[in-house]
Structures are given as structure tokens and as C-alpha cells.
Amino acid sequence: PDQAFDLLRGMVDAPDPAVRANVALLLGDLGAAAAYPALRALAKDRSSSVRQAAEHALSRIVYRPPYKLRVRTLGAFTIWRGDTEVRDRDWRSSKARQLFQLLLTERGRMLPRDRVLEALWPEMEADAAANNMRVTINRLSKALEPERPEGAPPAYILQQGETFGFN
């Protein structure tokens, strides 16, 4: 599979759109999360058949971290990615940690964006709070999944339209 992946990745820039479309489909068949960057690039191709093939391939690849999250909420709040503790520096901001705690508290429910904004940035203007939320979600995802391939959707933080939740 690694040799096939390397060969296919080398063909992403082939001049023939039919070749690029087939590369996208084959990358999807391999199912490797490492294919996300190449498929994201192909999803922006000038050829509609290549874009369509890449989108189809992306929809078939499911990224799963190689670990489970463990959370201790009684006593000192602590999270582990497998056996590795998520340290303060991994969060990169206290808001990322607070967002995780909020989503964990409401696990099983999708929270409307406005509720998250009000909980974490109650005194801030709406546009600034929305920007802070985008940055905070990114930081939270990186804290929980530092090895997630670029372009792969987060496995633990769900977003459906204007709602957010913990998976």
C-alpha cells in the first residue's frame, strides 16, 4: 500500500484529467488518511470530473486517531490521548480547554454556535467572538489530534452547520 500510495501521489499533477480522476479514485480506494492533502488539491482541480472524483474519494476516507481519549473530571481535570496526557501547552489557550469542557458537559447534544459564543466570549462583539471561536476550535482539534492529516475532519469535535458537539 505504501508503494502504491507514493506512486499515485506522484501522478496527482498528470496532464491528463482522466489520469488525475483515476488517481483520486484509487487514492480513495486505498483509504489512507495520508491521502487527504493530495485529494484536497484534486478537489480544487480545473476539471469537473477530477473534482467530482476527489470529492467522492474524500467522502470514503474516514480518519480515526490511533488512540482513545480518556478524561478525568473528578479532582484535577485531565485528558489523555491513549497513554499521553494532554498538557497545558498542548491547549495553546485556556479557551480551547474551556470549549472542550463545555462540549464534554453537553455530550450527546449539538450546541448552537450562539450558545458557545455566549458561554466563552459573553462580553465580546459578535464578529470578534466568531473569529476567536474558529481559532479556538482549531486549537482544540490540534490538542486532541496533533497527528491528524491536513484536511481530515476532526474525529472528536463535530460541526454540523452552525452547531458543535463532542463525538
N, C-alpha and C. Protein backbone atom coordinates (compact mmCIF):
# COMPACT_ATOMS: atom_id res chain seq x y z
N PRO A 1 0.81 -1.22 0.00
CA PRO A 1 0.00 0.00 0.00
C PRO A 1 0.84 1.28 0.00
N ASP A 2 1.97 1.28 0.72
CA ASP A 2 2.80 2.48 0.76
C ASP A 2 3.39 2.80 -0.61
N GLN A 3 3.83 1.76 -1.33
CA GLN A 3 4.39 1.98 -2.66
C GLN A 3 3.31 2.48 -3.61
N ALA A 4 2.13 1.90 -3.52
CA ALA A 4 1.02 2.34 -4.37
C ALA A 4 0.66 3.79 -4.06
N PHE A 5 0.63 4.12 -2.78
CA PHE A 5 0.32 5.48 -2.39
C PHE A 5 1.35 6.45 -2.95
N ASP A 6 2.64 6.13 -2.80
CA ASP A 6 3.70 7.01 -3.31
C ASP A 6 3.60 7.17 -4.82
N LEU A 7 3.32 6.09 -5.52
CA LEU A 7 3.19 6.14 -6.97
C LEU A 7 2.01 7.03 -7.37
N LEU A 8 0.88 6.84 -6.72
CA LEU A 8 -0.31 7.65 -7.03
C LEU A 8 -0.09 9.11 -6.70
N ARG A 9 0.53 9.37 -5.57
CA ARG A 9 0.77 10.77 -5.17
C ARG A 9 1.64 11.47 -6.21
N GLY A 10 2.56 10.72 -6.82
CA GLY A 10 3.41 11.28 -7.86
C GLY A 10 2.66 11.58 -9.15
N MET A 11 1.46 11.05 -9.29
CA MET A 11 0.67 11.25 -10.51
C MET A 11 -0.43 12.30 -10.35
N VAL A 12 -0.48 12.95 -9.22
CA VAL A 12 -1.52 13.94 -8.96
C VAL A 12 -1.47 15.09 -9.97
N ASP A 13 -0.29 15.42 -10.46
CA ASP A 13 -0.14 16.53 -11.40
C ASP A 13 -0.08 16.07 -12.85
N ALA A 14 -0.54 14.86 -13.14
CA ALA A 14 -0.53 14.36 -14.52
C ALA A 14 -1.30 15.32 -15.42
N PRO A 15 -0.84 15.53 -16.66
CA PRO A 15 -1.51 16.49 -17.54
C PRO A 15 -2.92 16.05 -17.98
N ASP A 16 -3.18 14.76 -18.01
CA ASP A 16 -4.47 14.25 -18.49
C ASP A 16 -5.48 14.21 -17.34
N PRO A 17 -6.61 14.92 -17.48
CA PRO A 17 -7.62 14.92 -16.42
C PRO A 17 -8.16 13.52 -16.11
N ALA A 18 -8.24 12.65 -17.10
CA ALA A 18 -8.73 11.29 -16.84
C ALA A 18 -7.78 10.55 -15.91
N VAL A 19 -6.48 10.79 -16.07
CA VAL A 19 -5.49 10.16 -15.18
C VAL A 19 -5.66 10.71 -13.77
N ARG A 20 -5.81 12.05 -13.65
CA ARG A 20 -5.97 12.66 -12.33
C ARG A 20 -7.24 12.15 -11.64
N ALA A 21 -8.32 12.00 -12.40
CA ALA A 21 -9.57 11.49 -11.82
C ALA A 21 -9.38 10.05 -11.33
N ASN A 22 -8.70 9.23 -12.11
CA ASN A 22 -8.44 7.86 -11.68
C ASN A 22 -7.52 7.81 -10.47
N VAL A 23 -6.55 8.71 -10.42
CA VAL A 23 -5.66 8.80 -9.25
C VAL A 23 -6.50 9.10 -8.01
N ALA A 24 -7.43 10.05 -8.13
CA ALA A 24 -8.28 10.39 -6.99
C ALA A 24 -9.08 9.18 -6.52
N LEU A 25 -9.68 8.48 -7.45
CA LEU A 25 -10.49 7.31 -7.08
C LEU A 25 -9.64 6.22 -6.44
N LEU A 26 -8.45 6.00 -6.98
CA LEU A 26 -7.56 4.98 -6.41
C LEU A 26 -7.06 5.37 -5.03
N LEU A 27 -6.77 6.67 -4.84
CA LEU A 27 -6.38 7.13 -3.50
C LEU A 27 -7.51 6.87 -2.51
N GLY A 28 -8.74 7.11 -2.96
CA GLY A 28 -9.89 6.82 -2.10
C GLY A 28 -10.01 5.35 -1.79
N ASP A 29 -9.72 4.50 -2.79
CA ASP A 29 -9.77 3.05 -2.57
C ASP A 29 -8.75 2.60 -1.53
N LEU A 30 -7.57 3.25 -1.53
CA LEU A 30 -6.56 2.90 -0.53
C LEU A 30 -7.04 3.24 0.88
N GLY A 31 -7.86 4.30 0.97
CA GLY A 31 -8.43 4.67 2.27
C GLY A 31 -7.44 5.24 3.26
N ALA A 32 -6.27 5.63 2.80
CA ALA A 32 -5.24 6.15 3.71
C ALA A 32 -5.52 7.61 4.05
N ALA A 33 -5.53 7.90 5.33
CA ALA A 33 -5.74 9.28 5.77
C ALA A 33 -4.66 10.20 5.22
N ALA A 34 -3.47 9.66 4.94
CA ALA A 34 -2.38 10.47 4.39
C ALA A 34 -2.72 11.00 2.99
N ALA A 35 -3.77 10.46 2.36
CA ALA A 35 -4.17 10.91 1.03
C ALA A 35 -4.94 12.23 1.08
N TYR A 36 -5.35 12.67 2.25
CA TYR A 36 -6.15 13.90 2.35
C TYR A 36 -5.55 15.09 1.63
N PRO A 37 -4.27 15.45 1.87
CA PRO A 37 -3.73 16.63 1.18
C PRO A 37 -3.81 16.53 -0.35
N ALA A 38 -3.45 15.37 -0.90
CA ALA A 38 -3.50 15.20 -2.35
C ALA A 38 -4.94 15.29 -2.86
N LEU A 39 -5.85 14.66 -2.14
CA LEU A 39 -7.25 14.69 -2.56
C LEU A 39 -7.86 16.08 -2.42
N ARG A 40 -7.46 16.81 -1.38
CA ARG A 40 -7.95 18.20 -1.23
C ARG A 40 -7.49 19.04 -2.41
N ALA A 41 -6.24 18.84 -2.85
CA ALA A 41 -5.73 19.57 -4.02
C ALA A 41 -6.52 19.18 -5.27
N LEU A 42 -6.77 17.89 -5.45
CA LEU A 42 -7.53 17.43 -6.62
C LEU A 42 -8.98 17.92 -6.57
N ALA A 43 -9.52 18.14 -5.39
CA ALA A 43 -10.89 18.64 -5.26
C ALA A 43 -11.01 20.09 -5.74
N LYS A 44 -9.87 20.75 -5.98
CA LYS A 44 -9.86 22.12 -6.50
C LYS A 44 -9.38 22.16 -7.95
N ASP A 45 -9.29 21.01 -8.58
CA ASP A 45 -8.78 20.89 -9.96
C ASP A 45 -9.67 21.67 -10.92
N ARG A 46 -9.08 22.08 -12.04
CA ARG A 46 -9.86 22.83 -13.04
C ARG A 46 -10.87 21.94 -13.77
N SER A 47 -10.65 20.64 -13.75
CA SER A 47 -11.55 19.69 -14.41
C SER A 47 -12.66 19.25 -13.45
N SER A 48 -13.89 19.38 -13.90
CA SER A 48 -15.01 18.99 -13.03
C SER A 48 -15.01 17.49 -12.74
N SER A 49 -14.56 16.67 -13.69
CA SER A 49 -14.54 15.22 -13.44
C SER A 49 -13.51 14.86 -12.38
N VAL A 50 -12.39 15.59 -12.35
CA VAL A 50 -11.37 15.37 -11.33
C VAL A 50 -11.90 15.81 -9.97
N ARG A 51 -12.54 17.00 -9.94
CA ARG A 51 -13.10 17.50 -8.68
C ARG A 51 -14.12 16.52 -8.12
N GLN A 52 -14.98 16.03 -8.98
CA GLN A 52 -16.03 15.09 -8.56
C GLN A 52 -15.41 13.79 -8.03
N ALA A 53 -14.41 13.27 -8.71
CA ALA A 53 -13.75 12.04 -8.26
C ALA A 53 -13.07 12.25 -6.91
N ALA A 54 -12.42 13.41 -6.75
CA ALA A 54 -11.73 13.70 -5.49
C ALA A 54 -12.71 13.84 -4.34
N GLU A 55 -13.83 14.52 -4.58
CA GLU A 55 -14.84 14.67 -3.53
C GLU A 55 -15.41 13.31 -3.13
N HIS A 56 -15.64 12.46 -4.12
CA HIS A 56 -16.13 11.11 -3.83
C HIS A 56 -15.10 10.35 -2.99
N ALA A 57 -13.84 10.44 -3.38
CA ALA A 57 -12.78 9.73 -2.64
C ALA A 57 -12.67 10.26 -1.22
N LEU A 58 -12.73 11.59 -1.06
CA LEU A 58 -12.65 12.17 0.28
C LEU A 58 -13.79 11.68 1.17
N SER A 59 -14.96 11.52 0.60
CA SER A 59 -16.11 11.09 1.40
C SER A 59 -15.97 9.64 1.87
N ARG A 60 -15.08 8.89 1.24
CA ARG A 60 -14.92 7.47 1.59
C ARG A 60 -13.82 7.24 2.61
N ILE A 61 -12.97 8.22 2.82
CA ILE A 61 -11.86 8.05 3.76
C ILE A 61 -12.30 8.53 5.13
N VAL A 62 -12.16 7.69 6.11
CA VAL A 62 -12.52 8.06 7.48
C VAL A 62 -11.25 8.03 8.31
N TYR A 63 -10.89 9.18 8.85
CA TYR A 63 -9.71 9.25 9.72
C TYR A 63 -10.12 8.91 11.14
N ARG A 64 -9.40 8.01 11.74
CA ARG A 64 -9.59 7.66 13.15
C ARG A 64 -8.24 7.75 13.83
N PRO A 65 -8.15 8.49 14.91
CA PRO A 65 -6.88 8.53 15.64
C PRO A 65 -6.54 7.13 16.17
N PRO A 66 -5.26 6.84 16.32
CA PRO A 66 -4.86 5.50 16.79
C PRO A 66 -4.97 5.35 18.30
N TYR A 67 -5.76 6.18 18.94
CA TYR A 67 -5.91 6.15 20.40
C TYR A 67 -7.33 6.59 20.75
N LYS A 68 -7.71 6.30 21.97
CA LYS A 68 -8.98 6.79 22.52
C LYS A 68 -8.66 7.90 23.51
N LEU A 69 -9.58 8.81 23.65
CA LEU A 69 -9.44 9.85 24.67
C LEU A 69 -9.95 9.30 25.99
N ARG A 70 -9.24 9.63 27.05
CA ARG A 70 -9.71 9.34 28.41
C ARG A 70 -9.75 10.68 29.13
N VAL A 71 -10.80 10.87 29.91
CA VAL A 71 -11.00 12.14 30.60
C VAL A 71 -11.28 11.88 32.07
N ARG A 72 -10.57 12.60 32.93
CA ARG A 72 -10.86 12.56 34.37
C ARG A 72 -11.46 13.92 34.72
N THR A 73 -12.69 13.89 35.24
CA THR A 73 -13.37 15.13 35.59
C THR A 73 -13.45 15.36 37.09
N LEU A 74 -13.28 14.32 37.88
CA LEU A 74 -13.27 14.49 39.34
C LEU A 74 -11.83 14.70 39.78
N GLY A 75 -11.63 15.67 40.65
CA GLY A 75 -10.27 16.03 41.02
C GLY A 75 -9.69 16.92 39.94
N ALA A 76 -8.42 16.76 39.66
CA ALA A 76 -7.79 17.57 38.63
C ALA A 76 -8.29 17.13 37.25
N PHE A 77 -8.83 18.08 36.49
CA PHE A 77 -9.33 17.79 35.15
C PHE A 77 -8.15 17.39 34.27
N THR A 78 -8.19 16.16 33.75
CA THR A 78 -7.07 15.64 32.97
C THR A 78 -7.59 14.86 31.78
N ILE A 79 -6.90 15.01 30.65
CA ILE A 79 -7.24 14.28 29.43
C ILE A 79 -6.01 13.55 28.94
N TRP A 80 -6.22 12.33 28.45
CA TRP A 80 -5.13 11.56 27.85
C TRP A 80 -5.52 11.18 26.43
N ARG A 81 -4.57 11.27 25.52
CA ARG A 81 -4.68 10.69 24.18
C ARG A 81 -3.97 9.35 24.28
N GLY A 82 -4.74 8.29 24.44
CA GLY A 82 -4.12 6.99 24.72
C GLY A 82 -3.43 7.07 26.07
N ASP A 83 -2.11 6.86 26.10
CA ASP A 83 -1.34 6.95 27.35
C ASP A 83 -0.66 8.30 27.53
N THR A 84 -0.86 9.22 26.60
CA THR A 84 -0.19 10.52 26.64
C THR A 84 -1.12 11.58 27.21
N GLU A 85 -0.70 12.20 28.29
CA GLU A 85 -1.51 13.26 28.89
C GLU A 85 -1.47 14.52 28.01
N VAL A 86 -2.62 15.15 27.86
CA VAL A 86 -2.69 16.44 27.16
C VAL A 86 -2.24 17.49 28.17
N ARG A 87 -1.12 18.11 27.91
CA ARG A 87 -0.52 19.09 28.82
C ARG A 87 -1.08 20.49 28.55
N ASP A 88 -0.87 21.39 29.50
CA ASP A 88 -1.35 22.76 29.34
C ASP A 88 -0.86 23.38 28.05
N ARG A 89 0.41 23.17 27.70
CA ARG A 89 0.96 23.78 26.49
C ARG A 89 0.30 23.24 25.22
N ASP A 90 -0.26 22.02 25.28
CA ASP A 90 -0.93 21.44 24.11
C ASP A 90 -2.20 22.20 23.75
N TRP A 91 -2.84 22.78 24.75
CA TRP A 91 -4.09 23.50 24.51
C TRP A 91 -3.84 24.82 23.77
N ARG A 92 -2.72 25.44 24.03
CA ARG A 92 -2.32 26.73 23.45
C ARG A 92 -3.20 27.89 23.88
N SER A 93 -4.29 27.63 24.57
CA SER A 93 -5.10 28.70 25.17
C SER A 93 -6.07 28.07 26.16
N SER A 94 -6.43 28.85 27.16
CA SER A 94 -7.38 28.34 28.15
C SER A 94 -8.77 28.17 27.53
N LYS A 95 -9.08 28.96 26.51
CA LYS A 95 -10.40 28.85 25.86
C LYS A 95 -10.57 27.52 25.15
N ALA A 96 -9.49 26.96 24.60
CA ALA A 96 -9.59 25.65 23.95
C ALA A 96 -9.99 24.59 24.97
N ARG A 97 -9.38 24.67 26.12
CA ARG A 97 -9.71 23.73 27.20
C ARG A 97 -11.15 23.95 27.68
N GLN A 98 -11.54 25.20 27.83
CA GLN A 98 -12.91 25.51 28.27
C GLN A 98 -13.94 25.04 27.24
N LEU A 99 -13.62 25.20 25.96
CA LEU A 99 -14.53 24.72 24.93
C LEU A 99 -14.68 23.21 25.02
N PHE A 100 -13.57 22.50 25.23
CA PHE A 100 -13.65 21.05 25.39
C PHE A 100 -14.54 20.70 26.57
N GLN A 101 -14.36 21.38 27.69
CA GLN A 101 -15.17 21.11 28.88
C GLN A 101 -16.65 21.37 28.61
N LEU A 102 -16.94 22.45 27.90
CA LEU A 102 -18.33 22.76 27.57
C LEU A 102 -18.93 21.67 26.68
N LEU A 103 -18.21 21.27 25.64
CA LEU A 103 -18.72 20.23 24.74
C LEU A 103 -18.85 18.90 25.46
N LEU A 104 -17.92 18.60 26.34
CA LEU A 104 -17.98 17.35 27.11
C LEU A 104 -19.19 17.36 28.05
N THR A 105 -19.45 18.48 28.68
CA THR A 105 -20.59 18.62 29.58
C THR A 105 -21.90 18.38 28.84
N GLU A 106 -21.94 18.79 27.59
CA GLU A 106 -23.16 18.65 26.78
C GLU A 106 -23.06 17.48 25.81
N ARG A 107 -22.22 16.50 26.13
CA ARG A 107 -22.00 15.36 25.24
C ARG A 107 -23.33 14.72 24.85
N GLY A 108 -23.44 14.38 23.58
CA GLY A 108 -24.67 13.81 23.07
C GLY A 108 -25.62 14.84 22.49
N ARG A 109 -25.28 16.11 22.67
CA ARG A 109 -26.09 17.21 22.13
C ARG A 109 -25.22 18.10 21.27
N MET A 110 -25.81 18.65 20.25
CA MET A 110 -25.12 19.64 19.43
C MET A 110 -25.50 21.02 19.96
N LEU A 111 -24.48 21.82 20.23
CA LEU A 111 -24.71 23.15 20.79
C LEU A 111 -24.74 24.20 19.68
N PRO A 112 -25.74 25.06 19.69
CA PRO A 112 -25.76 26.14 18.71
C PRO A 112 -24.56 27.06 18.90
N ARG A 113 -24.08 27.57 17.81
CA ARG A 113 -22.92 28.46 17.82
C ARG A 113 -23.12 29.62 18.80
N ASP A 114 -24.30 30.23 18.78
CA ASP A 114 -24.57 31.37 19.66
C ASP A 114 -24.41 31.01 21.13
N ARG A 115 -24.80 29.80 21.49
CA ARG A 115 -24.66 29.37 22.90
C ARG A 115 -23.18 29.25 23.28
N VAL A 116 -22.37 28.70 22.37
CA VAL A 116 -20.93 28.58 22.63
C VAL A 116 -20.31 29.97 22.74
N LEU A 117 -20.67 30.86 21.83
CA LEU A 117 -20.12 32.22 21.85
C LEU A 117 -20.48 32.93 23.16
N GLU A 118 -21.72 32.79 23.58
CA GLU A 118 -22.17 33.43 24.82
C GLU A 118 -21.46 32.85 26.03
N ALA A 119 -21.22 31.55 26.02
CA ALA A 119 -20.57 30.90 27.17
C ALA A 119 -19.10 31.28 27.29
N LEU A 120 -18.41 31.40 26.16
CA LEU A 120 -16.96 31.63 26.21
C LEU A 120 -16.55 33.08 26.00
N TRP A 121 -17.33 33.86 25.28
CA TRP A 121 -16.97 35.25 24.99
C TRP A 121 -18.19 36.16 25.18
N PRO A 122 -18.76 36.20 26.38
CA PRO A 122 -20.01 36.93 26.58
C PRO A 122 -19.92 38.44 26.37
N GLU A 123 -18.77 39.03 26.60
CA GLU A 123 -18.63 40.48 26.50
C GLU A 123 -18.09 40.95 25.15
N MET A 124 -17.82 40.03 24.25
CA MET A 124 -17.14 40.37 23.01
C MET A 124 -18.13 40.62 21.88
N GLU A 125 -17.75 41.51 20.96
CA GLU A 125 -18.54 41.75 19.76
C GLU A 125 -18.71 40.44 18.98
N ALA A 126 -19.81 40.29 18.29
CA ALA A 126 -20.14 39.03 17.61
C ALA A 126 -19.07 38.60 16.61
N ASP A 127 -18.58 39.53 15.77
CA ASP A 127 -17.58 39.16 14.76
C ASP A 127 -16.28 38.73 15.39
N ALA A 128 -15.84 39.44 16.41
CA ALA A 128 -14.59 39.09 17.09
C ALA A 128 -14.74 37.75 17.82
N ALA A 129 -15.89 37.54 18.44
CA ALA A 129 -16.13 36.28 19.14
C ALA A 129 -16.16 35.11 18.15
N ALA A 130 -16.78 35.31 16.99
CA ALA A 130 -16.83 34.25 15.97
C ALA A 130 -15.42 33.92 15.48
N ASN A 131 -14.59 34.93 15.30
CA ASN A 131 -13.20 34.68 14.89
C ASN A 131 -12.45 33.92 15.98
N ASN A 132 -12.63 34.33 17.22
CA ASN A 132 -12.00 33.63 18.34
C ASN A 132 -12.45 32.17 18.39
N MET A 133 -13.71 31.94 18.10
CA MET A 133 -14.23 30.58 18.14
C MET A 133 -13.56 29.72 17.07
N ARG A 134 -13.38 30.24 15.86
CA ARG A 134 -12.71 29.49 14.79
C ARG A 134 -11.30 29.10 15.21
N VAL A 135 -10.58 30.06 15.78
CA VAL A 135 -9.21 29.80 16.24
C VAL A 135 -9.22 28.77 17.37
N THR A 136 -10.16 28.91 18.28
CA THR A 136 -10.24 28.01 19.44
C THR A 136 -10.59 26.59 19.02
N ILE A 137 -11.50 26.43 18.07
CA ILE A 137 -11.84 25.09 17.58
C ILE A 137 -10.61 24.45 16.94
N ASN A 138 -9.86 25.23 16.19
CA ASN A 138 -8.63 24.72 15.58
C ASN A 138 -7.64 24.27 16.65
N ARG A 139 -7.45 25.09 17.66
CA ARG A 139 -6.53 24.74 18.76
C ARG A 139 -7.00 23.50 19.51
N LEU A 140 -8.29 23.42 19.75
CA LEU A 140 -8.84 22.25 20.44
C LEU A 140 -8.61 20.98 19.61
N SER A 141 -8.88 21.06 18.33
CA SER A 141 -8.67 19.90 17.46
C SER A 141 -7.21 19.47 17.44
N LYS A 142 -6.30 20.44 17.41
CA LYS A 142 -4.87 20.11 17.41
C LYS A 142 -4.43 19.53 18.75
N ALA A 143 -5.03 19.98 19.83
CA ALA A 143 -4.68 19.42 21.15
C ALA A 143 -5.13 17.96 21.26
N LEU A 144 -6.31 17.67 20.72
CA LEU A 144 -6.85 16.32 20.81
C LEU A 144 -6.28 15.38 19.75
N GLU A 145 -5.94 15.94 18.59
CA GLU A 145 -5.48 15.12 17.45
C GLU A 145 -4.28 15.77 16.77
N PRO A 146 -3.14 15.83 17.43
CA PRO A 146 -2.00 16.53 16.84
C PRO A 146 -1.47 15.89 15.56
N GLU A 147 -1.75 14.63 15.33
CA GLU A 147 -1.24 13.94 14.13
C GLU A 147 -2.30 13.84 13.02
N ARG A 148 -3.42 14.51 13.19
CA ARG A 148 -4.48 14.43 12.17
C ARG A 148 -3.96 14.98 10.85
N PRO A 149 -4.14 14.24 9.75
CA PRO A 149 -3.67 14.72 8.45
C PRO A 149 -4.36 16.03 8.07
N GLU A 150 -3.63 16.88 7.39
CA GLU A 150 -4.19 18.15 6.94
C GLU A 150 -5.40 17.87 6.06
N GLY A 151 -6.49 18.56 6.34
CA GLY A 151 -7.71 18.40 5.56
C GLY A 151 -8.67 17.35 6.08
N ALA A 152 -8.19 16.46 6.95
CA ALA A 152 -9.07 15.43 7.50
C ALA A 152 -9.99 16.08 8.54
N PRO A 153 -11.27 15.74 8.53
CA PRO A 153 -12.15 16.32 9.54
C PRO A 153 -11.80 15.78 10.92
N PRO A 154 -11.99 16.60 11.94
CA PRO A 154 -11.70 16.14 13.31
C PRO A 154 -12.56 14.93 13.68
N ALA A 155 -11.97 14.02 14.41
CA ALA A 155 -12.70 12.82 14.84
C ALA A 155 -13.51 13.07 16.10
N TYR A 156 -13.08 14.00 16.93
CA TYR A 156 -13.73 14.20 18.23
C TYR A 156 -14.63 15.42 18.29
N ILE A 157 -14.35 16.44 17.52
CA ILE A 157 -15.16 17.66 17.54
C ILE A 157 -16.05 17.66 16.30
N LEU A 158 -17.34 17.66 16.52
CA LEU A 158 -18.31 17.61 15.43
C LEU A 158 -18.79 19.02 15.10
N GLN A 159 -18.97 19.27 13.83
CA GLN A 159 -19.60 20.51 13.40
C GLN A 159 -20.62 20.17 12.33
N GLN A 160 -21.85 20.57 12.57
CA GLN A 160 -22.93 20.38 11.61
C GLN A 160 -23.59 21.73 11.43
N GLY A 161 -23.24 22.39 10.34
CA GLY A 161 -23.76 23.73 10.11
C GLY A 161 -23.28 24.67 11.21
N GLU A 162 -24.21 25.23 11.94
CA GLU A 162 -23.90 26.19 13.00
C GLU A 162 -23.98 25.56 14.39
N THR A 163 -23.85 24.23 14.46
CA THR A 163 -23.86 23.56 15.76
C THR A 163 -22.58 22.76 15.95
N PHE A 164 -22.23 22.56 17.22
CA PHE A 164 -20.97 21.90 17.57
C PHE A 164 -21.22 20.88 18.67
N GLY A 165 -20.42 19.82 18.65
CA GLY A 165 -20.57 18.79 19.67
C GLY A 165 -19.31 17.98 19.83
N PHE A 166 -19.35 17.08 20.80
CA PHE A 166 -18.23 16.19 21.09
C PHE A 166 -18.63 14.78 20.67
N ASN A 167 -17.77 14.13 19.92
CA ASN A 167 -18.06 12.79 19.42
C ASN A 167 -17.47 11.76 20.36
